[in-house]
N, C-alpha and C. Protein backbone atom coordinates (compact mmCIF):
# COMPACT_ATOMS: atom_id res chain seq x y z
N MET A 1 -4.45 -4.77 -45.45
CA MET A 1 -5.69 -4.52 -44.75
C MET A 1 -6.28 -3.20 -45.25
N SER A 2 -7.57 -3.21 -45.59
CA SER A 2 -8.27 -2.01 -46.01
C SER A 2 -8.75 -1.25 -44.79
N VAL A 3 -8.73 0.08 -44.83
CA VAL A 3 -9.16 0.87 -43.68
C VAL A 3 -10.14 1.95 -44.10
N SER A 4 -11.06 2.29 -43.21
CA SER A 4 -12.06 3.33 -43.43
C SER A 4 -12.33 4.02 -42.11
N GLN A 5 -13.09 5.11 -42.17
CA GLN A 5 -13.45 5.86 -40.97
C GLN A 5 -14.97 5.83 -40.80
N ILE A 6 -15.44 5.69 -39.54
CA ILE A 6 -16.86 5.68 -39.22
C ILE A 6 -17.17 6.85 -38.29
N THR A 7 -18.19 7.63 -38.65
CA THR A 7 -18.65 8.73 -37.79
C THR A 7 -20.17 8.70 -37.71
N THR A 8 -20.72 9.41 -36.72
CA THR A 8 -22.17 9.48 -36.56
C THR A 8 -22.56 10.80 -35.92
N HIS A 9 -23.82 11.13 -36.04
CA HIS A 9 -24.40 12.21 -35.25
C HIS A 9 -25.88 11.91 -35.06
N VAL A 10 -26.47 12.55 -34.04
CA VAL A 10 -27.87 12.32 -33.70
C VAL A 10 -28.59 13.66 -33.69
N LEU A 11 -29.72 13.70 -34.38
CA LEU A 11 -30.57 14.89 -34.40
C LEU A 11 -31.91 14.56 -33.75
N ASP A 12 -32.35 15.41 -32.85
CA ASP A 12 -33.66 15.26 -32.21
C ASP A 12 -34.68 15.91 -33.15
N SER A 13 -35.40 15.09 -33.90
CA SER A 13 -36.31 15.64 -34.91
C SER A 13 -37.57 16.24 -34.30
N THR A 14 -37.83 16.01 -33.02
CA THR A 14 -39.01 16.62 -32.39
C THR A 14 -38.80 18.11 -32.15
N VAL A 15 -37.56 18.53 -31.98
CA VAL A 15 -37.28 19.94 -31.74
C VAL A 15 -36.37 20.54 -32.81
N GLY A 16 -35.89 19.70 -33.74
CA GLY A 16 -35.06 20.20 -34.82
C GLY A 16 -33.67 20.64 -34.41
N ARG A 17 -33.11 19.97 -33.37
CA ARG A 17 -31.78 20.34 -32.88
C ARG A 17 -30.93 19.09 -32.67
N PRO A 18 -29.61 19.28 -32.58
CA PRO A 18 -28.74 18.15 -32.25
C PRO A 18 -29.10 17.55 -30.89
N ALA A 19 -28.94 16.25 -30.76
CA ALA A 19 -29.23 15.54 -29.51
C ALA A 19 -27.92 15.38 -28.73
N GLU A 20 -27.71 16.25 -27.78
CA GLU A 20 -26.49 16.22 -26.96
C GLU A 20 -26.64 15.20 -25.84
N GLY A 21 -25.58 14.40 -25.60
CA GLY A 21 -25.55 13.49 -24.48
C GLY A 21 -26.07 12.09 -24.73
N VAL A 22 -26.29 11.70 -25.98
CA VAL A 22 -26.70 10.33 -26.29
C VAL A 22 -25.46 9.44 -26.23
N GLU A 23 -25.51 8.39 -25.41
CA GLU A 23 -24.40 7.43 -25.33
C GLU A 23 -24.42 6.55 -26.58
N VAL A 24 -23.23 6.36 -27.17
CA VAL A 24 -23.12 5.59 -28.42
C VAL A 24 -22.00 4.57 -28.26
N GLU A 25 -22.23 3.39 -28.82
CA GLU A 25 -21.24 2.32 -28.77
C GLU A 25 -21.01 1.81 -30.20
N LEU A 26 -19.76 1.67 -30.59
CA LEU A 26 -19.39 1.13 -31.90
C LEU A 26 -18.81 -0.26 -31.70
N SER A 27 -19.36 -1.23 -32.42
CA SER A 27 -18.88 -2.62 -32.33
C SER A 27 -18.56 -3.14 -33.72
N ALA A 28 -17.64 -4.11 -33.75
CA ALA A 28 -17.26 -4.78 -34.99
C ALA A 28 -17.64 -6.25 -34.88
N ARG A 29 -18.10 -6.82 -35.98
CA ARG A 29 -18.42 -8.25 -36.01
C ARG A 29 -17.13 -9.03 -35.85
N GLU A 30 -17.16 -9.98 -34.91
CA GLU A 30 -16.00 -10.84 -34.69
C GLU A 30 -16.52 -12.26 -34.55
N GLY A 31 -16.38 -13.07 -35.59
CA GLY A 31 -16.92 -14.42 -35.57
C GLY A 31 -18.43 -14.37 -35.49
N ASP A 32 -18.99 -15.06 -34.47
CA ASP A 32 -20.44 -15.08 -34.28
C ASP A 32 -20.93 -13.98 -33.35
N GLY A 33 -20.04 -13.13 -32.87
CA GLY A 33 -20.43 -12.10 -31.92
C GLY A 33 -19.96 -10.72 -32.33
N TRP A 34 -19.95 -9.84 -31.34
CA TRP A 34 -19.58 -8.44 -31.55
C TRP A 34 -18.51 -8.04 -30.54
N LEU A 35 -17.58 -7.23 -30.99
CA LEU A 35 -16.52 -6.70 -30.14
C LEU A 35 -16.67 -5.19 -30.09
N VAL A 36 -16.86 -4.64 -28.88
CA VAL A 36 -16.97 -3.18 -28.73
C VAL A 36 -15.60 -2.58 -29.01
N ILE A 37 -15.55 -1.65 -29.96
CA ILE A 37 -14.27 -1.02 -30.32
C ILE A 37 -14.24 0.47 -29.98
N GLY A 38 -15.37 0.99 -29.50
CA GLY A 38 -15.38 2.39 -29.10
C GLY A 38 -16.69 2.78 -28.45
N THR A 39 -16.61 3.74 -27.53
CA THR A 39 -17.80 4.28 -26.88
C THR A 39 -17.63 5.79 -26.74
N GLY A 40 -18.74 6.47 -26.59
CA GLY A 40 -18.70 7.91 -26.41
C GLY A 40 -20.10 8.46 -26.24
N ALA A 41 -20.20 9.75 -26.22
CA ALA A 41 -21.49 10.43 -26.13
C ALA A 41 -21.50 11.59 -27.11
N THR A 42 -22.67 11.92 -27.59
CA THR A 42 -22.78 13.02 -28.54
C THR A 42 -22.52 14.35 -27.84
N ASP A 43 -21.87 15.25 -28.57
CA ASP A 43 -21.53 16.56 -28.03
C ASP A 43 -22.65 17.56 -28.31
N VAL A 44 -22.41 18.82 -28.07
CA VAL A 44 -23.41 19.88 -28.25
C VAL A 44 -23.92 19.95 -29.69
N ASP A 45 -23.13 19.49 -30.65
CA ASP A 45 -23.55 19.45 -32.05
C ASP A 45 -24.16 18.11 -32.44
N GLY A 46 -24.37 17.22 -31.45
CA GLY A 46 -24.96 15.92 -31.72
C GLY A 46 -23.99 14.91 -32.30
N ARG A 47 -22.70 15.24 -32.31
CA ARG A 47 -21.69 14.35 -32.90
C ARG A 47 -20.94 13.59 -31.84
N ALA A 48 -20.64 12.32 -32.14
CA ALA A 48 -19.85 11.50 -31.24
C ALA A 48 -18.42 11.47 -31.78
N LYS A 49 -17.59 12.32 -31.23
CA LYS A 49 -16.20 12.41 -31.68
C LYS A 49 -15.35 11.38 -30.96
N GLN A 50 -14.33 10.88 -31.64
CA GLN A 50 -13.43 9.88 -31.06
C GLN A 50 -14.18 8.65 -30.57
N LEU A 51 -15.18 8.24 -31.33
CA LEU A 51 -16.01 7.10 -30.94
C LEU A 51 -15.24 5.79 -30.95
N GLY A 52 -14.38 5.62 -31.90
CA GLY A 52 -13.61 4.39 -32.01
C GLY A 52 -12.27 4.69 -32.64
N PRO A 53 -11.64 3.67 -33.19
CA PRO A 53 -10.36 3.90 -33.85
C PRO A 53 -10.53 4.87 -35.02
N GLU A 54 -9.48 5.59 -35.33
CA GLU A 54 -9.55 6.53 -36.45
C GLU A 54 -9.79 5.82 -37.77
N GLN A 55 -9.27 4.61 -37.88
CA GLN A 55 -9.47 3.82 -39.09
C GLN A 55 -9.86 2.40 -38.72
N VAL A 56 -10.81 1.85 -39.47
CA VAL A 56 -11.28 0.49 -39.23
C VAL A 56 -11.18 -0.31 -40.53
N PRO A 57 -10.95 -1.62 -40.43
CA PRO A 57 -10.88 -2.43 -41.64
C PRO A 57 -12.27 -2.67 -42.24
N VAL A 58 -12.29 -3.07 -43.49
CA VAL A 58 -13.52 -3.46 -44.16
C VAL A 58 -14.17 -4.55 -43.31
N GLY A 59 -15.50 -4.48 -43.13
CA GLY A 59 -16.20 -5.48 -42.33
C GLY A 59 -17.59 -5.03 -41.95
N GLU A 60 -18.20 -5.75 -41.01
CA GLU A 60 -19.55 -5.46 -40.53
C GLU A 60 -19.45 -4.75 -39.18
N TYR A 61 -20.23 -3.67 -39.03
CA TYR A 61 -20.18 -2.85 -37.82
C TYR A 61 -21.58 -2.56 -37.32
N ARG A 62 -21.63 -2.17 -36.04
CA ARG A 62 -22.91 -1.84 -35.42
C ARG A 62 -22.74 -0.62 -34.53
N LEU A 63 -23.65 0.33 -34.66
CA LEU A 63 -23.75 1.46 -33.76
C LEU A 63 -24.95 1.22 -32.86
N ARG A 64 -24.75 1.34 -31.54
CA ARG A 64 -25.85 1.20 -30.59
C ARG A 64 -26.01 2.52 -29.85
N PHE A 65 -27.21 3.08 -29.92
CA PHE A 65 -27.53 4.37 -29.29
C PHE A 65 -28.42 4.12 -28.07
N ASP A 66 -28.05 4.64 -26.91
CA ASP A 66 -28.84 4.48 -25.69
C ASP A 66 -29.91 5.56 -25.64
N THR A 67 -30.94 5.38 -26.44
CA THR A 67 -31.99 6.38 -26.57
C THR A 67 -32.91 6.41 -25.34
N GLY A 68 -33.10 5.25 -24.69
CA GLY A 68 -33.97 5.20 -23.52
C GLY A 68 -33.48 6.09 -22.40
N SER A 69 -32.20 6.00 -22.08
CA SER A 69 -31.63 6.85 -21.01
C SER A 69 -31.67 8.31 -21.38
N TRP A 70 -31.42 8.60 -22.65
CA TRP A 70 -31.42 9.99 -23.11
C TRP A 70 -32.81 10.60 -22.97
N PHE A 71 -33.85 9.89 -23.42
CA PHE A 71 -35.21 10.41 -23.28
C PHE A 71 -35.63 10.46 -21.81
N ALA A 72 -35.28 9.45 -21.01
CA ALA A 72 -35.63 9.43 -19.58
C ALA A 72 -35.06 10.65 -18.86
N ALA A 73 -33.84 11.04 -19.20
CA ALA A 73 -33.21 12.21 -18.58
C ALA A 73 -33.96 13.50 -18.90
N ARG A 74 -34.79 13.48 -19.93
CA ARG A 74 -35.57 14.64 -20.33
C ARG A 74 -37.04 14.50 -19.92
N GLY A 75 -37.34 13.42 -19.18
CA GLY A 75 -38.72 13.20 -18.74
C GLY A 75 -39.66 12.85 -19.88
N THR A 76 -39.14 12.23 -20.93
CA THR A 76 -39.93 11.91 -22.12
C THR A 76 -40.05 10.40 -22.29
N GLU A 77 -41.26 9.93 -22.46
CA GLU A 77 -41.50 8.52 -22.73
C GLU A 77 -41.04 8.19 -24.15
N THR A 78 -40.47 6.99 -24.33
CA THR A 78 -40.07 6.57 -25.67
C THR A 78 -40.42 5.11 -25.88
N PHE A 79 -40.66 4.75 -27.11
CA PHE A 79 -40.96 3.37 -27.47
C PHE A 79 -39.69 2.55 -27.69
N TYR A 80 -38.60 3.23 -28.03
CA TYR A 80 -37.33 2.56 -28.35
C TYR A 80 -36.29 2.84 -27.28
N PRO A 81 -36.00 1.86 -26.39
CA PRO A 81 -34.99 2.08 -25.36
C PRO A 81 -33.57 2.11 -25.93
N GLU A 82 -33.39 1.56 -27.11
CA GLU A 82 -32.11 1.66 -27.80
C GLU A 82 -32.36 1.51 -29.29
N VAL A 83 -31.41 2.03 -30.05
CA VAL A 83 -31.44 1.87 -31.50
C VAL A 83 -30.11 1.23 -31.89
N GLN A 84 -30.20 0.17 -32.68
CA GLN A 84 -28.99 -0.49 -33.18
C GLN A 84 -29.02 -0.43 -34.71
N LEU A 85 -27.93 0.06 -35.26
CA LEU A 85 -27.79 0.15 -36.71
C LEU A 85 -26.60 -0.70 -37.14
N THR A 86 -26.86 -1.70 -37.96
CA THR A 86 -25.81 -2.58 -38.46
C THR A 86 -25.57 -2.24 -39.92
N PHE A 87 -24.31 -2.14 -40.30
CA PHE A 87 -23.96 -1.72 -41.66
C PHE A 87 -22.63 -2.32 -42.06
N LEU A 88 -22.36 -2.25 -43.35
CA LEU A 88 -21.13 -2.81 -43.90
C LEU A 88 -20.17 -1.72 -44.36
N VAL A 89 -18.92 -1.86 -44.01
CA VAL A 89 -17.84 -1.05 -44.58
C VAL A 89 -17.25 -1.93 -45.67
N VAL A 90 -17.45 -1.51 -46.92
CA VAL A 90 -17.09 -2.37 -48.05
C VAL A 90 -16.00 -1.80 -48.95
N GLU A 91 -15.62 -0.56 -48.69
CA GLU A 91 -14.67 0.09 -49.57
C GLU A 91 -13.55 0.71 -48.74
N GLU A 92 -12.34 0.40 -49.07
CA GLU A 92 -11.22 0.93 -48.29
C GLU A 92 -11.06 2.43 -48.47
N GLY A 93 -10.62 3.06 -47.39
CA GLY A 93 -10.31 4.48 -47.42
C GLY A 93 -11.50 5.41 -47.49
N ARG A 94 -12.72 4.91 -47.32
CA ARG A 94 -13.92 5.74 -47.40
C ARG A 94 -14.34 6.21 -46.01
N HIS A 95 -15.03 7.33 -45.99
CA HIS A 95 -15.64 7.85 -44.77
C HIS A 95 -17.08 7.35 -44.74
N TYR A 96 -17.45 6.63 -43.69
CA TYR A 96 -18.80 6.13 -43.52
C TYR A 96 -19.47 6.92 -42.41
N HIS A 97 -20.41 7.80 -42.79
CA HIS A 97 -21.12 8.62 -41.83
C HIS A 97 -22.53 8.06 -41.70
N VAL A 98 -22.93 7.71 -40.46
CA VAL A 98 -24.21 7.04 -40.23
C VAL A 98 -25.02 7.87 -39.23
N PRO A 99 -25.82 8.83 -39.71
CA PRO A 99 -26.61 9.69 -38.83
C PRO A 99 -27.85 8.97 -38.32
N LEU A 100 -28.37 9.46 -37.19
CA LEU A 100 -29.63 8.98 -36.62
C LEU A 100 -30.54 10.17 -36.40
N LEU A 101 -31.73 10.14 -36.98
CA LEU A 101 -32.77 11.15 -36.75
C LEU A 101 -33.74 10.52 -35.76
N LEU A 102 -33.95 11.17 -34.63
CA LEU A 102 -34.60 10.55 -33.49
C LEU A 102 -35.81 11.33 -33.01
N SER A 103 -36.87 10.60 -32.67
CA SER A 103 -38.02 11.15 -31.94
C SER A 103 -38.48 10.06 -30.97
N PRO A 104 -39.37 10.35 -30.03
CA PRO A 104 -39.73 9.35 -29.03
C PRO A 104 -40.34 8.06 -29.59
N PHE A 105 -41.01 8.15 -30.73
CA PHE A 105 -41.71 6.98 -31.24
C PHE A 105 -41.35 6.63 -32.68
N ALA A 106 -40.22 7.16 -33.14
CA ALA A 106 -39.75 6.84 -34.49
C ALA A 106 -38.28 7.22 -34.61
N TYR A 107 -37.62 6.58 -35.56
CA TYR A 107 -36.27 6.99 -35.91
C TYR A 107 -36.00 6.62 -37.36
N SER A 108 -35.02 7.30 -37.94
CA SER A 108 -34.59 6.96 -39.29
C SER A 108 -33.10 7.20 -39.41
N THR A 109 -32.53 6.63 -40.43
CA THR A 109 -31.10 6.74 -40.66
C THR A 109 -30.85 6.71 -42.16
N TYR A 110 -29.63 7.03 -42.54
CA TYR A 110 -29.24 6.99 -43.95
C TYR A 110 -27.73 6.97 -44.02
N ARG A 111 -27.23 6.67 -45.18
CA ARG A 111 -25.78 6.73 -45.40
C ARG A 111 -25.43 8.17 -45.71
N GLY A 112 -24.77 8.81 -44.78
CA GLY A 112 -24.39 10.20 -44.95
C GLY A 112 -23.08 10.35 -45.69
N SER A 113 -22.62 11.57 -45.76
CA SER A 113 -21.35 11.82 -46.45
C SER A 113 -20.41 12.60 -45.55
């Protein structure tokens, strides 16, 4: 079995700072559905530590960010109540870092290092 590590962080691009307190869920593709393998919230640096297993096998994964609750807690309207990012872990032993840059009416992501 091939194994890799998945990490994420969230940056609030409207203020240029880490987004603390965003709830994040990590799921793995299982057949025709998804199996939640980890949950957590971003810390003061915008990072979700201990989100899931330390190592995951090669496969298809999804990160779901509860952006609606996070913006609501700040009294900010948002167009996206959640953001879901689906990606492939294709190489064993690699670190897959999947950041989210967030604002109330836009978001972007990239394959980090």
